[in-house]
Amino acid sequence: MKQKKWLVFIVTILLLALSACDKDVKDPLNYKMNTFSYQDQNQQEYGLNELKGKVWVADFIFTSCTTVCPPMTAHMTKLQEEVKKSGIKNIEFVSFSVDPQNDSPQALKQYVKKFNGNLENWHLLTGYSQKQIKSFAMNNFKVFVQKPKDTDQIIHGTSFYLINQEGVVKKDYNGVSDVPYAQIIEDIKILQH
């Protein structure tokens, strides 16, 4: 009888250990990303290879945006600060420009500095065509990017995206208002364990 109890106890412990290893965020999107490599604000190639093994947060912005990008960039800066305060390490932030013709690496660097963003772990990417970013956003994030002919403003998604160590988009969150900082941090911690 004692052996049976021990066996049940050991099996229970093993099942709990296995389920803890398999923990995932609630309602994951599970969009598998295609490989990419673009130019960052330091004119260095940066992409999925450099992000492998790291959890990262991404968004889509452009420097001449007059509506959603300023609050999104301010919120990304605050998220970066909150993540640091929480003690999370090995996390990256990536912003893809949806206006690559006008957003040079230098312009992107200056833009984020206005918001006091920390460029140590924040990469702002450009160096592709308008057609490429439109396709990239749709294929990898299921988000629409459109540059209308009659304006310099670009239509794009306003979410923050959480991507795991294997390059799978796991969650999206509102990036413009009511940003759920605590939930994003909790989900980062889940992915990192």
Protein backbone atom coordinates (compact mmCIF):
# COMPACT_ATOMS: atom_id res chain seq x y z
CA MET A 1 0.00 0.00 0.00
CA LYS A 2 2.85 2.38 0.85
CA GLN A 3 4.45 1.76 -2.55
CA LYS A 4 1.21 2.65 -4.32
CA LYS A 5 0.96 5.96 -2.43
CA TRP A 6 4.59 6.77 -3.28
CA LEU A 7 3.96 5.94 -6.92
CA VAL A 8 0.90 8.23 -7.03
CA PHE A 9 2.91 10.96 -5.29
CA ILE A 10 5.81 10.69 -7.77
CA VAL A 11 3.49 10.63 -10.80
CA THR A 12 1.67 13.72 -9.47
CA ILE A 13 4.96 15.60 -8.96
CA LEU A 14 6.11 14.67 -12.48
CA LEU A 15 2.84 15.82 -14.03
CA LEU A 16 3.03 19.14 -12.16
CA ALA A 17 6.63 19.64 -13.28
CA LEU A 18 5.77 18.88 -16.89
CA SER A 19 2.76 21.21 -16.90
CA ALA A 20 4.86 24.01 -15.40
CA CYS A 21 7.36 23.66 -18.26
CA ASP A 22 4.57 23.92 -20.79
CA LYS A 23 3.02 27.11 -19.40
CA ASP A 24 1.89 29.58 -22.06
CA VAL A 25 0.17 32.94 -22.15
CA LYS A 26 -3.61 32.96 -22.16
CA ASP A 27 -5.22 32.76 -25.63
CA PRO A 28 -1.97 32.80 -27.63
CA LEU A 29 -2.00 34.05 -31.23
CA ASN A 30 0.81 31.67 -32.34
CA TYR A 31 1.77 33.51 -35.56
CA LYS A 32 5.07 31.99 -36.75
CA MET A 33 7.39 34.71 -38.02
CA ASN A 34 9.41 34.53 -41.21
CA THR A 35 13.08 35.35 -40.95
CA PHE A 36 14.01 39.01 -41.47
CA SER A 37 17.02 41.28 -41.18
CA TYR A 38 16.74 45.06 -41.50
CA GLN A 39 18.80 48.12 -40.60
CA ASP A 40 18.52 49.47 -37.06
CA GLN A 41 19.10 52.99 -35.71
CA ASN A 42 22.85 52.29 -35.57
CA GLN A 43 22.91 51.25 -39.25
CA GLN A 44 23.53 47.65 -38.18
CA GLU A 45 21.73 44.63 -39.58
CA TYR A 46 19.27 43.37 -36.97
CA GLY A 47 16.65 40.68 -37.24
CA LEU A 48 15.26 37.34 -36.19
CA ASN A 49 18.72 35.76 -35.81
CA GLU A 50 19.74 38.42 -33.27
CA LEU A 51 16.43 37.97 -31.44
CA LYS A 52 16.65 34.17 -31.23
CA GLY A 53 16.47 33.00 -27.64
CA LYS A 54 14.99 36.31 -26.42
CA VAL A 55 11.46 37.42 -25.64
CA TRP A 56 10.68 40.71 -27.39
CA VAL A 57 7.98 43.34 -27.78
CA ALA A 58 7.30 44.92 -31.19
CA ASP A 59 5.22 47.69 -32.70
CA PHE A 60 4.81 49.66 -35.93
CA ILE A 61 5.45 53.43 -35.98
CA PHE A 62 6.76 56.28 -38.15
CA THR A 63 8.47 59.51 -37.17
CA SER A 64 6.17 62.00 -38.94
CA CYS A 65 3.01 60.45 -37.49
CA THR A 66 0.69 63.07 -36.01
CA THR A 67 -1.81 60.76 -34.29
CA VAL A 68 -1.09 57.35 -32.73
CA CYS A 69 2.71 57.01 -32.89
CA PRO A 70 3.65 59.63 -30.27
CA PRO A 71 1.50 57.99 -27.56
CA MET A 72 2.60 54.52 -28.68
CA THR A 73 6.27 55.51 -28.43
CA ALA A 74 5.69 57.11 -25.02
CA HIS A 75 3.94 53.91 -23.87
CA MET A 76 6.76 51.73 -25.22
CA THR A 77 9.23 53.85 -23.23
CA LYS A 78 7.12 53.40 -20.10
CA LEU A 79 6.83 49.66 -20.74
CA GLN A 80 10.60 49.49 -21.13
CA GLU A 81 10.99 51.26 -17.75
CA GLU A 82 8.39 49.02 -16.04
CA VAL A 83 10.07 45.88 -17.39
CA LYS A 84 13.43 47.08 -16.06
CA LYS A 85 11.89 47.88 -12.62
CA SER A 86 10.41 44.37 -12.49
CA GLY A 87 13.90 42.88 -12.81
CA ILE A 88 13.28 41.16 -16.16
CA LYS A 89 16.48 40.64 -18.16
CA ASN A 90 17.18 39.48 -21.72
CA ILE A 91 14.23 41.34 -23.25
CA GLU A 92 14.28 43.37 -26.47
CA PHE A 93 12.01 46.05 -27.92
CA VAL A 94 11.64 46.42 -31.69
CA SER A 95 9.85 49.15 -33.64
CA PHE A 96 9.32 48.70 -37.37
CA SER A 97 9.01 51.91 -39.38
CA VAL A 98 6.02 51.92 -41.73
CA ASP A 99 7.54 54.89 -43.59
CA PRO A 100 10.97 53.56 -44.61
CA GLN A 101 11.47 56.16 -47.37
CA ASN A 102 11.49 58.96 -44.78
CA ASP A 103 12.62 57.15 -41.62
CA SER A 104 16.39 56.88 -41.86
CA PRO A 105 18.29 55.21 -39.00
CA GLN A 106 19.28 58.68 -37.75
CA ALA A 107 15.67 59.95 -37.87
CA LEU A 108 14.48 56.92 -35.88
CA LYS A 109 17.24 57.37 -33.29
CA GLN A 110 16.36 61.06 -32.80
CA TYR A 111 12.65 60.24 -32.61
CA VAL A 112 13.03 57.78 -29.73
CA LYS A 113 15.43 60.08 -27.89
CA LYS A 114 12.59 62.66 -27.72
CA PHE A 115 10.72 60.10 -25.60
CA ASN A 116 13.77 59.18 -23.48
CA GLY A 117 13.74 55.62 -24.82
CA ASN A 118 16.68 53.43 -23.87
CA LEU A 119 18.39 52.33 -27.09
CA GLU A 120 20.44 49.60 -25.36
CA ASN A 121 17.64 47.09 -25.93
CA TRP A 122 15.35 48.97 -28.32
CA HIS A 123 15.94 48.55 -32.05
CA LEU A 124 14.14 50.74 -34.57
CA LEU A 125 14.15 49.12 -37.98
CA THR A 126 14.09 50.49 -41.52
CA GLY A 127 15.91 49.82 -44.80
CA TYR A 128 13.16 48.11 -46.78
CA SER A 129 10.59 49.27 -49.31
CA GLN A 130 7.02 50.37 -48.59
CA LYS A 131 5.82 47.23 -50.36
CA GLN A 132 8.07 45.04 -48.19
CA ILE A 133 6.84 46.46 -44.86
CA LYS A 134 3.22 46.15 -45.98
CA SER A 135 3.76 42.47 -46.81
CA PHE A 136 5.93 41.83 -43.73
CA ALA A 137 3.32 43.30 -41.35
CA MET A 138 0.48 41.28 -42.86
CA ASN A 139 2.39 38.00 -43.18
CA ASN A 140 3.95 38.03 -39.72
CA PHE A 141 1.64 40.08 -37.49
CA LYS A 142 -1.67 39.93 -39.43
CA VAL A 143 -1.73 43.74 -39.38
CA PHE A 144 -2.60 46.17 -42.15
CA VAL A 145 -0.16 48.86 -43.37
CA GLN A 146 -1.33 51.25 -46.09
CA LYS A 147 0.17 54.47 -47.46
CA PRO A 148 -2.64 56.48 -49.11
CA LYS A 149 -1.62 58.59 -52.11
CA ASP A 150 -3.19 61.88 -50.90
CA THR A 151 -1.46 62.18 -47.49
CA ASP A 152 1.90 61.73 -45.78
CA GLN A 153 0.21 59.83 -42.95
CA ILE A 154 0.27 56.02 -43.02
CA ILE A 155 -2.45 53.70 -41.80
CA HIS A 156 -1.07 50.94 -39.58
CA GLY A 157 -1.83 48.76 -36.59
CA THR A 158 -1.50 50.21 -33.11
CA SER A 159 -0.83 47.11 -31.04
CA PHE A 160 2.18 46.00 -29.06
CA TYR A 161 3.12 42.41 -29.90
CA LEU A 162 4.79 39.91 -27.60
CA ILE A 163 7.07 37.43 -29.39
CA ASN A 164 8.69 34.39 -27.81
CA GLN A 165 12.25 33.03 -28.06
CA GLU A 166 11.43 31.02 -31.20
CA GLY A 167 9.99 33.96 -33.13
CA VAL A 168 6.31 33.19 -32.54
CA VAL A 169 3.93 36.11 -31.99
CA LYS A 170 2.10 35.11 -28.81
CA LYS A 171 -0.07 38.12 -27.83
CA ASP A 172 -1.12 41.60 -28.86
CA TYR A 173 -2.08 44.50 -26.59
CA ASN A 174 -3.44 48.01 -27.07
CA GLY A 175 -0.44 50.30 -27.61
CA VAL A 176 -2.26 53.65 -27.79
CA SER A 177 -4.26 53.90 -24.57
CA ASP A 178 -4.93 51.86 -21.44
CA VAL A 179 -1.77 49.84 -22.09
CA PRO A 180 -1.89 46.78 -19.79
CA TYR A 181 1.69 47.09 -18.49
CA ALA A 182 1.20 44.61 -15.63
CA GLN A 183 -0.32 41.99 -17.96
CA ILE A 184 2.48 42.37 -20.50
CA ILE A 185 5.09 41.96 -17.74
CA GLU A 186 3.27 38.90 -16.40
CA ASP A 187 3.15 37.38 -19.90
CA ILE A 188 6.87 38.11 -20.47
CA LYS A 189 7.65 36.25 -17.24
CA ILE A 190 5.52 33.29 -18.37
CA LEU A 191 7.40 33.09 -21.67
CA GLN A 192 10.79 33.39 -20.00
CA HIS A 193 10.20 30.37 -17.75
